[in-house]
Amino acid sequence: MCQIQCMYVITDPNLLTCAEGCTGCLYTGSCYGCINDYHEVVYYVPGVYRYTKCKKSCTTINHCLDCENSNICTLCDEKHYLDPKTSRCI
């Protein structure tokens, strides 16, 4: 179960740390822009928050947005789904 501290909102800009690929952070720690070769992935928790991370694009795999290794896709774009047997977007 979530403790109170995990819901803490960072209000001091000096304490913000952006994940790899971010051009900057909002006060919540969410990215507000991504550098080249990265794309935004938005996570929603209905009625609670919207959080954005930057993921490295998988340019070698069609329709794949995120890879575990160079050829193992873990996330497909919104028009495709991940085939669990082949780790490809179809």
PDB file of N, CA and C in Angstrom:
ATOM      1  N   MET A   1       0.845  -1.186   0.000  1.00  0.00           N
ATOM      2  CA  MET A   1       0.000   0.000   0.000  1.00  0.00           C
ATOM      3  C   MET A   1       0.887   1.245   0.000  1.00  0.00           C
ATOM      4  N   CYS A   2       0.422   2.249  -0.671  1.00  0.00           N
ATOM      5  CA  CYS A   2       1.186   3.483  -0.812  1.00  0.00           C
ATOM      6  C   CYS A   2       1.231   4.249   0.506  1.00  0.00           C
ATOM      7  N   GLN A   3       2.415   4.702   0.841  1.00  0.00           N
ATOM      8  CA  GLN A   3       2.579   5.548   2.017  1.00  0.00           C
ATOM      9  C   GLN A   3       2.394   7.008   1.602  1.00  0.00           C
ATOM     10  N   ILE A   4       2.179   7.890   2.547  1.00  0.00           N
ATOM     11  CA  ILE A   4       1.956   9.317   2.280  1.00  0.00           C
ATOM     12  C   ILE A   4       3.105   9.924   1.477  1.00  0.00           C
ATOM     13  N   GLN A   5       4.354   9.558   1.762  1.00  0.00           N
ATOM     14  CA  GLN A   5       5.482  10.196   1.101  1.00  0.00           C
ATOM     15  C   GLN A   5       5.520   9.946  -0.408  1.00  0.00           C
ATOM     16  N   CYS A   6       4.900   8.869  -0.903  1.00  0.00           N
ATOM     17  CA  CYS A   6       4.940   8.624  -2.343  1.00  0.00           C
ATOM     18  C   CYS A   6       4.010   9.564  -3.098  1.00  0.00           C
ATOM     19  N   MET A   7       3.149  10.252  -2.416  1.00  0.00           N
ATOM     20  CA  MET A   7       2.257  11.207  -3.057  1.00  0.00           C
ATOM     21  C   MET A   7       2.804  12.634  -2.960  1.00  0.00           C
ATOM     22  N   TYR A   8       3.996  12.780  -2.402  1.00  0.00           N
ATOM     23  CA  TYR A   8       4.607  14.088  -2.198  1.00  0.00           C
ATOM     24  C   TYR A   8       4.871  14.781  -3.535  1.00  0.00           C
ATOM     25  N   VAL A   9       4.522  16.031  -3.652  1.00  0.00           N
ATOM     26  CA  VAL A   9       4.769  16.815  -4.856  1.00  0.00           C
ATOM     27  C   VAL A   9       5.992  17.688  -4.625  1.00  0.00           C
ATOM     28  N   ILE A  10       6.952  17.603  -5.546  1.00  0.00           N
ATOM     29  CA  ILE A  10       8.176  18.395  -5.430  1.00  0.00           C
ATOM     30  C   ILE A  10       7.870  19.831  -5.852  1.00  0.00           C
ATOM     31  N   THR A  11       8.132  20.773  -4.972  1.00  0.00           N
ATOM     32  CA  THR A  11       7.865  22.175  -5.295  1.00  0.00           C
ATOM     33  C   THR A  11       9.146  22.974  -5.489  1.00  0.00           C
ATOM     34  N   ASP A  12      10.285  22.433  -5.086  1.00  0.00           N
ATOM     35  CA  ASP A  12      11.566  23.109  -5.269  1.00  0.00           C
ATOM     36  C   ASP A  12      12.169  22.661  -6.598  1.00  0.00           C
ATOM     37  N   PRO A  13      12.289  23.562  -7.592  1.00  0.00           N
ATOM     38  CA  PRO A  13      12.812  23.174  -8.906  1.00  0.00           C
ATOM     39  C   PRO A  13      14.215  22.569  -8.844  1.00  0.00           C
ATOM     40  N   ASN A  14      14.994  22.910  -7.832  1.00  0.00           N
ATOM     41  CA  ASN A  14      16.346  22.370  -7.701  1.00  0.00           C
ATOM     42  C   ASN A  14      16.353  20.886  -7.354  1.00  0.00           C
ATOM     43  N   LEU A  15      15.241  20.370  -6.857  1.00  0.00           N
ATOM     44  CA  LEU A  15      15.170  18.964  -6.480  1.00  0.00           C
ATOM     45  C   LEU A  15      14.685  18.070  -7.618  1.00  0.00           C
ATOM     46  N   LEU A  16      14.245  18.681  -8.716  1.00  0.00           N
ATOM     47  CA  LEU A  16      13.722  17.889  -9.822  1.00  0.00           C
ATOM     48  C   LEU A  16      14.842  17.147 -10.539  1.00  0.00           C
ATOM     49  N   THR A  17      14.611  15.889 -10.824  1.00  0.00           N
ATOM     50  CA  THR A  17      15.548  15.122 -11.633  1.00  0.00           C
ATOM     51  C   THR A  17      14.767  14.488 -12.770  1.00  0.00           C
ATOM     52  N   CYS A  18      15.195  14.751 -13.979  1.00  0.00           N
ATOM     53  CA  CYS A  18      14.503  14.208 -15.139  1.00  0.00           C
ATOM     54  C   CYS A  18      15.144  12.896 -15.556  1.00  0.00           C
ATOM     55  N   ALA A  19      14.312  12.017 -16.066  1.00  0.00           N
ATOM     56  CA  ALA A  19      14.810  10.754 -16.580  1.00  0.00           C
ATOM     57  C   ALA A  19      15.535  10.994 -17.903  1.00  0.00           C
ATOM     58  N   GLU A  20      16.230   9.996 -18.352  1.00  0.00           N
ATOM     59  CA  GLU A  20      16.952  10.062 -19.616  1.00  0.00           C
ATOM     60  C   GLU A  20      16.016  10.460 -20.753  1.00  0.00           C
ATOM     61  N   GLY A  21      16.467  11.392 -21.578  1.00  0.00           N
ATOM     62  CA  GLY A  21      15.694  11.803 -22.743  1.00  0.00           C
ATOM     63  C   GLY A  21      14.813  13.014 -22.543  1.00  0.00           C
ATOM     64  N   CYS A  22      14.637  13.464 -21.303  1.00  0.00           N
ATOM     65  CA  CYS A  22      13.773  14.617 -21.022  1.00  0.00           C
ATOM     66  C   CYS A  22      14.504  15.926 -21.275  1.00  0.00           C
ATOM     67  N   THR A  23      13.771  16.895 -21.791  1.00  0.00           N
ATOM     68  CA  THR A  23      14.347  18.230 -21.925  1.00  0.00           C
ATOM     69  C   THR A  23      14.099  19.057 -20.674  1.00  0.00           C
ATOM     70  N   GLY A  24      13.127  18.668 -19.867  1.00  0.00           N
ATOM     71  CA  GLY A  24      12.836  19.369 -18.630  1.00  0.00           C
ATOM     72  C   GLY A  24      11.741  18.669 -17.858  1.00  0.00           C
ATOM     73  N   CYS A  25      11.581  19.068 -16.598  1.00  0.00           N
ATOM     74  CA  CYS A  25      10.594  18.439 -15.728  1.00  0.00           C
ATOM     75  C   CYS A  25       9.570  19.445 -15.229  1.00  0.00           C
ATOM     76  N   LEU A  26       8.376  18.952 -14.993  1.00  0.00           N
ATOM     77  CA  LEU A  26       7.359  19.726 -14.294  1.00  0.00           C
ATOM     78  C   LEU A  26       7.576  19.554 -12.794  1.00  0.00           C
ATOM     79  N   TYR A  27       6.853  20.290 -11.987  1.00  0.00           N
ATOM     80  CA  TYR A  27       7.034  20.211 -10.536  1.00  0.00           C
ATOM     81  C   TYR A  27       6.708  18.830  -9.982  1.00  0.00           C
ATOM     82  N   THR A  28       5.976  18.026 -10.723  1.00  0.00           N
ATOM     83  CA  THR A  28       5.636  16.677 -10.267  1.00  0.00           C
ATOM     84  C   THR A  28       6.717  15.665 -10.603  1.00  0.00           C
ATOM     85  N   GLY A  29       7.735  16.090 -11.362  1.00  0.00           N
ATOM     86  CA  GLY A  29       8.770  15.167 -11.805  1.00  0.00           C
ATOM     87  C   GLY A  29       8.480  14.576 -13.166  1.00  0.00           C
ATOM     88  N   SER A  30       7.364  14.949 -13.773  1.00  0.00           N
ATOM     89  CA  SER A  30       6.986  14.472 -15.099  1.00  0.00           C
ATOM     90  C   SER A  30       7.741  15.265 -16.164  1.00  0.00           C
ATOM     91  N   CYS A  31       8.148  14.600 -17.251  1.00  0.00           N
ATOM     92  CA  CYS A  31       8.826  15.287 -18.352  1.00  0.00           C
ATOM     93  C   CYS A  31       7.864  16.213 -19.075  1.00  0.00           C
ATOM     94  N   TYR A  32       8.382  17.331 -19.591  1.00  0.00           N
ATOM     95  CA  TYR A  32       7.536  18.181 -20.424  1.00  0.00           C
ATOM     96  C   TYR A  32       8.054  18.291 -21.847  1.00  0.00           C
ATOM     97  N   GLY A  33       9.065  17.528 -22.193  1.00  0.00           N
ATOM     98  CA  GLY A  33       9.576  17.493 -23.559  1.00  0.00           C
ATOM     99  C   GLY A  33      10.633  16.418 -23.685  1.00  0.00           C
ATOM    100  N   CYS A  34      10.816  15.914 -24.902  1.00  0.00           N
ATOM    101  CA  CYS A  34      11.795  14.856 -25.140  1.00  0.00           C
ATOM    102  C   CYS A  34      12.796  15.296 -26.203  1.00  0.00           C
ATOM    103  N   ILE A  35      14.026  14.835 -26.069  1.00  0.00           N
ATOM    104  CA  ILE A  35      15.063  15.138 -27.047  1.00  0.00           C
ATOM    105  C   ILE A  35      14.897  14.232 -28.268  1.00  0.00           C
ATOM    106  N   ASN A  36      15.694  14.479 -29.305  1.00  0.00           N
ATOM    107  CA  ASN A  36      15.639  13.667 -30.523  1.00  0.00           C
ATOM    108  C   ASN A  36      15.835  12.197 -30.207  1.00  0.00           C
ATOM    109  N   ASP A  37      15.197  11.352 -31.002  1.00  0.00           N
ATOM    110  CA  ASP A  37      15.239   9.887 -30.862  1.00  0.00           C
ATOM    111  C   ASP A  37      14.484   9.387 -29.641  1.00  0.00           C
ATOM    112  N   TYR A  38      13.795  10.268 -28.944  1.00  0.00           N
ATOM    113  CA  TYR A  38      12.948   9.865 -27.821  1.00  0.00           C
ATOM    114  C   TYR A  38      11.526  10.311 -28.117  1.00  0.00           C
ATOM    115  N   HIS A  39      10.562   9.632 -27.536  1.00  0.00           N
ATOM    116  CA  HIS A  39       9.167  10.012 -27.705  1.00  0.00           C
ATOM    117  C   HIS A  39       8.482   9.985 -26.346  1.00  0.00           C
ATOM    118  N   GLU A  40       7.387  10.725 -26.251  1.00  0.00           N
ATOM    119  CA  GLU A  40       6.651  10.782 -24.985  1.00  0.00           C
ATOM    120  C   GLU A  40       5.773   9.555 -24.808  1.00  0.00           C
ATOM    121  N   VAL A  41       5.786   9.014 -23.613  1.00  0.00           N
ATOM    122  CA  VAL A  41       4.870   7.948 -23.226  1.00  0.00           C
ATOM    123  C   VAL A  41       4.121   8.468 -22.011  1.00  0.00           C
ATOM    124  N   VAL A  42       2.801   8.551 -22.120  1.00  0.00           N
ATOM    125  CA  VAL A  42       1.987   9.121 -21.056  1.00  0.00           C
ATOM    126  C   VAL A  42       1.318   8.007 -20.270  1.00  0.00           C
ATOM    127  N   TYR A  43       1.472   8.071 -18.962  1.00  0.00           N
ATOM    128  CA  TYR A  43       0.850   7.110 -18.063  1.00  0.00           C
ATOM    129  C   TYR A  43      -0.300   7.810 -17.357  1.00  0.00           C
ATOM    130  N   TYR A  44      -1.460   7.182 -17.324  1.00  0.00           N
ATOM    131  CA  TYR A  44      -2.634   7.760 -16.676  1.00  0.00           C
ATOM    132  C   TYR A  44      -3.073   6.881 -15.518  1.00  0.00           C
ATOM    133  N   VAL A  45      -3.435   7.510 -14.434  1.00  0.00           N
ATOM    134  CA  VAL A  45      -4.168   6.844 -13.369  1.00  0.00           C
ATOM    135  C   VAL A  45      -5.444   7.660 -13.248  1.00  0.00           C
ATOM    136  N   PRO A  46      -6.567   7.113 -13.720  1.00  0.00           N
ATOM    137  CA  PRO A  46      -7.809   7.895 -13.789  1.00  0.00           C
ATOM    138  C   PRO A  46      -8.158   8.594 -12.480  1.00  0.00           C
ATOM    139  N   GLY A  47      -8.372   9.890 -12.585  1.00  0.00           N
ATOM    140  CA  GLY A  47      -8.760  10.686 -11.431  1.00  0.00           C
ATOM    141  C   GLY A  47      -7.629  11.008 -10.476  1.00  0.00           C
ATOM    142  N   VAL A  48      -6.416  10.538 -10.785  1.00  0.00           N
ATOM    143  CA  VAL A  48      -5.306  10.759  -9.861  1.00  0.00           C
ATOM    144  C   VAL A  48      -4.220  11.612 -10.499  1.00  0.00           C
ATOM    145  N   TYR A  49      -3.592  11.141 -11.572  1.00  0.00           N
ATOM    146  CA  TYR A  49      -2.511  11.913 -12.164  1.00  0.00           C
ATOM    147  C   TYR A  49      -2.245  11.494 -13.605  1.00  0.00           C
ATOM    148  N   ARG A  50      -1.467  12.329 -14.286  1.00  0.00           N
ATOM    149  CA  ARG A  50      -0.960  12.071 -15.632  1.00  0.00           C
ATOM    150  C   ARG A  50       0.544  12.266 -15.541  1.00  0.00           C
ATOM    151  N   TYR A  51       1.296  11.271 -15.960  1.00  0.00           N
ATOM    152  CA  TYR A  51       2.746  11.314 -15.827  1.00  0.00           C
ATOM    153  C   TYR A  51       3.373  11.009 -17.179  1.00  0.00           C
ATOM    154  N   THR A  52       4.338  11.808 -17.593  1.00  0.00           N
ATOM    155  CA  THR A  52       4.979  11.619 -18.892  1.00  0.00           C
ATOM    156  C   THR A  52       6.443  11.249 -18.717  1.00  0.00           C
ATOM    157  N   LYS A  53       6.862  10.214 -19.438  1.00  0.00           N
ATOM    158  CA  LYS A  53       8.268   9.812 -19.482  1.00  0.00           C
ATOM    159  C   LYS A  53       8.722   9.862 -20.931  1.00  0.00           C
ATOM    160  N   CYS A  54      10.018   9.912 -21.147  1.00  0.00           N
ATOM    161  CA  CYS A  54      10.570   9.851 -22.499  1.00  0.00           C
ATOM    162  C   CYS A  54      11.220   8.490 -22.691  1.00  0.00           C
ATOM    163  N   LYS A  55      10.848   7.835 -23.779  1.00  0.00           N
ATOM    164  CA  LYS A  55      11.394   6.520 -24.095  1.00  0.00           C
ATOM    165  C   LYS A  55      12.177   6.605 -25.390  1.00  0.00           C
ATOM    166  N   LYS A  56      13.236   5.821 -25.483  1.00  0.00           N
ATOM    167  CA  LYS A  56      14.023   5.777 -26.710  1.00  0.00           C
ATOM    168  C   LYS A  56      13.231   5.030 -27.769  1.00  0.00           C
ATOM    169  N   SER A  57      13.146   5.628 -28.940  1.00  0.00           N
ATOM    170  CA  SER A  57      12.419   4.987 -30.030  1.00  0.00           C
ATOM    171  C   SER A  57      13.212   3.806 -30.562  1.00  0.00           C
ATOM    172  N   CYS A  58      12.506   2.756 -30.926  1.00  0.00           N
ATOM    173  CA  CYS A  58      13.137   1.587 -31.528  1.00  0.00           C
ATOM    174  C   CYS A  58      13.021   1.739 -33.035  1.00  0.00           C
ATOM    175  N   THR A  59      14.056   2.234 -33.649  1.00  0.00           N
ATOM    176  CA  THR A  59      13.980   2.546 -35.071  1.00  0.00           C
ATOM    177  C   THR A  59      14.122   1.314 -35.945  1.00  0.00           C
ATOM    178  N   THR A  60      14.591   0.206 -35.399  1.00  0.00           N
ATOM    179  CA  THR A  60      14.812  -0.985 -36.215  1.00  0.00           C
ATOM    180  C   THR A  60      13.609  -1.910 -36.245  1.00  0.00           C
ATOM    181  N   ILE A  61      12.621  -1.678 -35.407  1.00  0.00           N
ATOM    182  CA  ILE A  61      11.456  -2.552 -35.338  1.00  0.00           C
ATOM    183  C   ILE A  61      10.217  -1.740 -35.699  1.00  0.00           C
ATOM    184  N   ASN A  62       9.500  -2.190 -36.717  1.00  0.00           N
ATOM    185  CA  ASN A  62       8.314  -1.464 -37.181  1.00  0.00           C
ATOM    186  C   ASN A  62       7.271  -1.312 -36.081  1.00  0.00           C
ATOM    187  N   HIS A  63       6.836  -0.095 -35.880  1.00  0.00           N
ATOM    188  CA  HIS A  63       5.748   0.269 -34.960  1.00  0.00           C
ATOM    189  C   HIS A  63       6.088   0.044 -33.487  1.00  0.00           C
ATOM    190  N   CYS A  64       7.339  -0.200 -33.162  1.00  0.00           N
ATOM    191  CA  CYS A  64       7.738  -0.428 -31.774  1.00  0.00           C
ATOM    192  C   CYS A  64       8.193   0.886 -31.150  1.00  0.00           C
ATOM    193  N   LEU A  65       7.735   1.157 -29.936  1.00  0.00           N
ATOM    194  CA  LEU A  65       8.088   2.393 -29.243  1.00  0.00           C
ATOM    195  C   LEU A  65       9.162   2.205 -28.185  1.00  0.00           C
ATOM    196  N   ASP A  66       9.229   1.027 -27.596  1.00  0.00           N
ATOM    197  CA  ASP A  66      10.211   0.805 -26.539  1.00  0.00           C
ATOM    198  C   ASP A  66      10.742  -0.618 -26.624  1.00  0.00           C
ATOM    199  N   CYS A  67      12.043  -0.768 -26.407  1.00  0.00           N
ATOM    200  CA  CYS A  67      12.688  -2.077 -26.505  1.00  0.00           C
ATOM    201  C   CYS A  67      13.427  -2.413 -25.224  1.00  0.00           C
ATOM    202  N   GLU A  68      13.397  -3.696 -24.877  1.00  0.00           N
ATOM    203  CA  GLU A  68      14.165  -4.182 -23.735  1.00  0.00           C
ATOM    204  C   GLU A  68      15.625  -4.322 -24.135  1.00  0.00           C
ATOM    205  N   ASN A  69      15.872  -4.937 -25.261  1.00  0.00           N
ATOM    206  CA  ASN A  69      17.192  -5.037 -25.873  1.00  0.00           C
ATOM    207  C   ASN A  69      17.048  -4.539 -27.300  1.00  0.00           C
ATOM    208  N   SER A  70      18.064  -4.694 -28.099  1.00  0.00           N
ATOM    209  CA  SER A  70      17.999  -4.135 -29.446  1.00  0.00           C
ATOM    210  C   SER A  70      16.902  -4.748 -30.301  1.00  0.00           C
ATOM    211  N   ASN A  71      16.458  -5.964 -29.997  1.00  0.00           N
ATOM    212  CA  ASN A  71      15.442  -6.579 -30.849  1.00  0.00           C
ATOM    213  C   ASN A  71      14.280  -7.194 -30.084  1.00  0.00           C
ATOM    214  N   ILE A  72      14.086  -6.811 -28.835  1.00  0.00           N
ATOM    215  CA  ILE A  72      12.957  -7.317 -28.057  1.00  0.00           C
ATOM    216  C   ILE A  72      12.036  -6.147 -27.737  1.00  0.00           C
ATOM    217  N   CYS A  73      10.939  -6.076 -28.467  1.00  0.00           N
ATOM    218  CA  CYS A  73       9.997  -4.974 -28.293  1.00  0.00           C
ATOM    219  C   CYS A  73       9.161  -5.185 -27.030  1.00  0.00           C
ATOM    220  N   THR A  74       8.919  -4.097 -26.302  1.00  0.00           N
ATOM    221  CA  THR A  74       8.091  -4.172 -25.096  1.00  0.00           C
ATOM    222  C   THR A  74       6.862  -3.269 -25.163  1.00  0.00           C
ATOM    223  N   LEU A  75       6.798  -2.367 -26.170  1.00  0.00           N
ATOM    224  CA  LEU A  75       5.679  -1.430 -26.275  1.00  0.00           C
ATOM    225  C   LEU A  75       5.461  -1.047 -27.730  1.00  0.00           C
ATOM    226  N   CYS A  76       4.226  -1.193 -28.209  1.00  0.00           N
ATOM    227  CA  CYS A  76       3.882  -0.847 -29.592  1.00  0.00           C
ATOM    228  C   CYS A  76       3.125   0.476 -29.630  1.00  0.00           C
ATOM    229  N   ASP A  77       3.112   1.087 -30.825  1.00  0.00           N
ATOM    230  CA  ASP A  77       2.325   2.306 -30.970  1.00  0.00           C
ATOM    231  C   ASP A  77       0.838   1.978 -30.832  1.00  0.00           C
ATOM    232  N   GLU A  78       0.010   3.018 -30.773  1.00  0.00           N
ATOM    233  CA  GLU A  78      -1.402   2.827 -30.428  1.00  0.00           C
ATOM    234  C   GLU A  78      -2.209   2.061 -31.473  1.00  0.00           C
ATOM    235  N   LYS A  79      -1.709   1.924 -32.690  1.00  0.00           N
ATOM    236  CA  LYS A  79      -2.446   1.217 -33.740  1.00  0.00           C
ATOM    237  C   LYS A  79      -2.062  -0.260 -33.846  1.00  0.00           C
ATOM    238  N   HIS A  80      -1.125  -0.709 -33.054  1.00  0.00           N
ATOM    239  CA  HIS A  80      -0.639  -2.080 -33.126  1.00  0.00           C
ATOM    240  C   HIS A  80      -0.588  -2.691 -31.734  1.00  0.00           C
ATOM    241  N   TYR A  81      -0.518  -4.017 -31.686  1.00  0.00           N
ATOM    242  CA  TYR A  81      -0.380  -4.676 -30.390  1.00  0.00           C
ATOM    243  C   TYR A  81       0.820  -5.611 -30.412  1.00  0.00           C
ATOM    244  N   LEU A  82       1.331  -5.886 -29.251  1.00  0.00           N
ATOM    245  CA  LEU A  82       2.537  -6.694 -29.107  1.00  0.00           C
ATOM    246  C   LEU A  82       2.185  -8.175 -29.125  1.00  0.00           C
ATOM    247  N   ASP A  83       2.785  -8.894 -30.071  1.00  0.00           N
ATOM    248  CA  ASP A  83       2.615 -10.345 -30.139  1.00  0.00           C
ATOM    249  C   ASP A  83       3.560 -10.967 -29.115  1.00  0.00           C
ATOM    250  N   PRO A  84       3.036 -11.607 -28.072  1.00  0.00           N
ATOM    251  CA  PRO A  84       3.896 -12.137 -27.009  1.00  0.00           C
ATOM    252  C   PRO A  84       4.830 -13.254 -27.471  1.00  0.00           C
ATOM    253  N   LYS A  85       4.474 -13.941 -28.544  1.00  0.00           N
ATOM    254  CA  LYS A  85       5.323 -15.039 -29.036  1.00  0.00           C
ATOM    255  C   LYS A  85       6.543 -14.535 -29.793  1.00  0.00           C
ATOM    256  N   THR A  86       6.354 -13.469 -30.571  1.00  0.00           N
ATOM    257  CA  THR A  86       7.449 -12.977 -31.413  1.00  0.00           C
ATOM    258  C   THR A  86       8.071 -11.680 -30.921  1.00  0.00           C
ATOM    259  N   SER A  87       7.452 -11.027 -29.939  1.00  0.00           N
ATOM    260  CA  SER A  87       7.885  -9.708 -29.453  1.00  0.00           C
ATOM    261  C   SER A  87       7.918  -8.684 -30.580  1.00  0.00           C
ATOM    262  N   ARG A  88       6.968  -8.788 -31.481  1.00  0.00           N
ATOM    263  CA  ARG A  88       6.846  -7.858 -32.596  1.00  0.00           C
ATOM    264  C   ARG A  88       5.493  -7.168 -32.543  1.00  0.00           C
ATOM    265  N   CYS A  89       5.421  -5.987 -33.148  1.00  0.00           N
ATOM    266  CA  CYS A  89       4.164  -5.246 -33.214  1.00  0.00           C
ATOM    267  C   CYS A  89       3.407  -5.656 -34.472  1.00  0.00           C
ATOM    268  N   ILE A  90       2.158  -6.064 -34.282  1.00  0.00           N
ATOM    269  CA  ILE A  90       1.351  -6.480 -35.435  1.00  0.00           C
ATOM    270  C   ILE A  90       0.006  -5.760 -35.425  1.00  0.00           C
TER     271      ILE A  90
END
